[in-house]
């Protein structure tokens, strides 16, 4: 079974567009490797978490910043399809 990704974002902070952009990038890059991306409004203010299945792979509060899309793609790739080339994102 293919893993799923969930992006939990703070709607009060206006982070829906950022979450949607990241979802689009992940869906485009990992079409064959993931079952989908779910966007989930958080009940916790300031939250921006990315889960692969039930594992948190990014937490904005812990990192102190939002993920770079290149780094996020590398993290997902390393877990779902380590042999996959990310082209310019691998450089």
Protein backbone atom coordinates (compact mmCIF):
# COMPACT_ATOMS: atom_id res chain seq x y z
CA UNK A 1 0.00 0.00 0.00
CA UNK A 2 1.32 3.42 -0.93
CA UNK A 3 1.92 5.89 1.91
CA UNK A 4 -0.16 9.02 2.32
CA UNK A 5 0.97 12.52 3.22
CA UNK A 6 -0.93 14.93 5.44
CA UNK A 7 -0.13 18.62 5.70
CA UNK A 8 -1.60 20.13 8.85
CA UNK A 9 -1.63 23.93 8.70
CA UNK A 10 -2.91 26.84 10.77
CA UNK A 11 -5.89 28.40 8.95
CA UNK A 12 -5.81 31.47 11.22
CA UNK A 13 -2.25 32.17 10.04
CA UNK A 14 -3.33 32.02 6.40
CA UNK A 15 -1.13 29.06 5.50
CA UNK A 16 -3.62 27.21 3.28
CA UNK A 17 -2.01 28.46 0.05
CA UNK A 18 1.44 27.37 1.22
CA UNK A 19 0.06 23.94 2.13
CA UNK A 20 -1.74 23.66 -1.21
CA UNK A 21 1.44 24.59 -3.10
CA UNK A 22 3.45 21.95 -1.23
CA UNK A 23 0.71 19.37 -1.83
CA UNK A 24 0.78 20.14 -5.56
CA UNK A 25 4.57 19.80 -5.69
CA UNK A 26 4.49 16.48 -3.84
CA UNK A 27 1.65 15.10 -5.97
CA UNK A 28 3.47 16.09 -9.16
CA UNK A 29 6.80 14.63 -8.06
CA UNK A 30 5.52 11.44 -6.39
CA UNK A 31 2.57 10.52 -8.62
CA UNK A 32 3.52 6.83 -8.63
CA UNK A 33 4.82 6.65 -5.06
CA UNK A 34 2.12 8.07 -2.76
CA UNK A 35 -1.61 7.50 -2.37
CA UNK A 36 -2.35 11.21 -2.01
CA UNK A 37 -1.92 14.37 0.02
CA UNK A 38 -4.48 15.52 2.56
CA UNK A 39 -4.74 19.12 3.73
CA UNK A 40 -5.87 19.36 7.34
CA UNK A 41 -6.70 22.62 9.12
CA UNK A 42 -5.11 22.54 12.56
CA UNK A 43 -6.86 23.42 15.79
CA UNK A 44 -3.49 24.55 17.17
CA UNK A 45 -2.43 28.09 16.33
CA UNK A 46 0.83 28.37 14.42
CA UNK A 47 0.94 24.67 13.54
CA UNK A 48 2.49 23.49 10.28
CA UNK A 49 3.23 19.77 10.34
CA UNK A 50 3.82 17.29 7.56
CA UNK A 51 3.13 13.62 8.17
CA UNK A 52 4.05 10.58 6.12
CA UNK A 53 1.39 8.12 7.21
CA UNK A 54 1.41 8.76 10.99
CA UNK A 55 5.05 9.87 11.29
CA UNK A 56 5.83 13.58 11.58
CA UNK A 57 8.52 14.34 9.00
CA UNK A 58 8.44 18.12 9.46
CA UNK A 59 7.32 20.43 12.27
CA UNK A 60 7.63 24.18 11.70
CA UNK A 61 7.80 24.93 15.42
CA UNK A 62 10.71 22.54 15.95
CA UNK A 63 12.56 23.67 12.81
CA UNK A 64 11.92 27.39 13.33
CA UNK A 65 11.01 27.85 9.66
CA UNK A 66 8.92 26.39 6.86
CA UNK A 67 10.42 23.54 4.84
CA UNK A 68 12.20 24.27 1.60
CA UNK A 69 10.41 22.32 -1.12
CA UNK A 70 13.72 20.79 -2.26
CA UNK A 71 14.45 19.46 1.23
CA UNK A 72 10.89 18.23 1.70
CA UNK A 73 11.01 16.31 -1.59
CA UNK A 74 14.32 14.74 -0.61
CA UNK A 75 12.91 13.69 2.77
CA UNK A 76 9.83 12.12 1.16
CA UNK A 77 11.89 10.46 -1.57
CA UNK A 78 14.28 8.93 0.97
CA UNK A 79 11.33 7.26 2.70
CA UNK A 80 9.07 6.23 -0.21
CA UNK A 81 11.43 5.59 -3.15
CA UNK A 82 15.14 6.03 -2.33
CA UNK A 83 16.17 5.13 -5.89
CA UNK A 84 14.09 7.96 -7.43
CA UNK A 85 16.00 10.80 -9.07
CA UNK A 86 14.73 14.27 -8.25
CA UNK A 87 16.65 15.88 -11.09
CA UNK A 88 17.74 19.40 -10.17
CA UNK A 89 16.50 18.94 -6.58
CA UNK A 90 19.30 16.41 -6.01
CA UNK A 91 22.02 18.94 -6.78
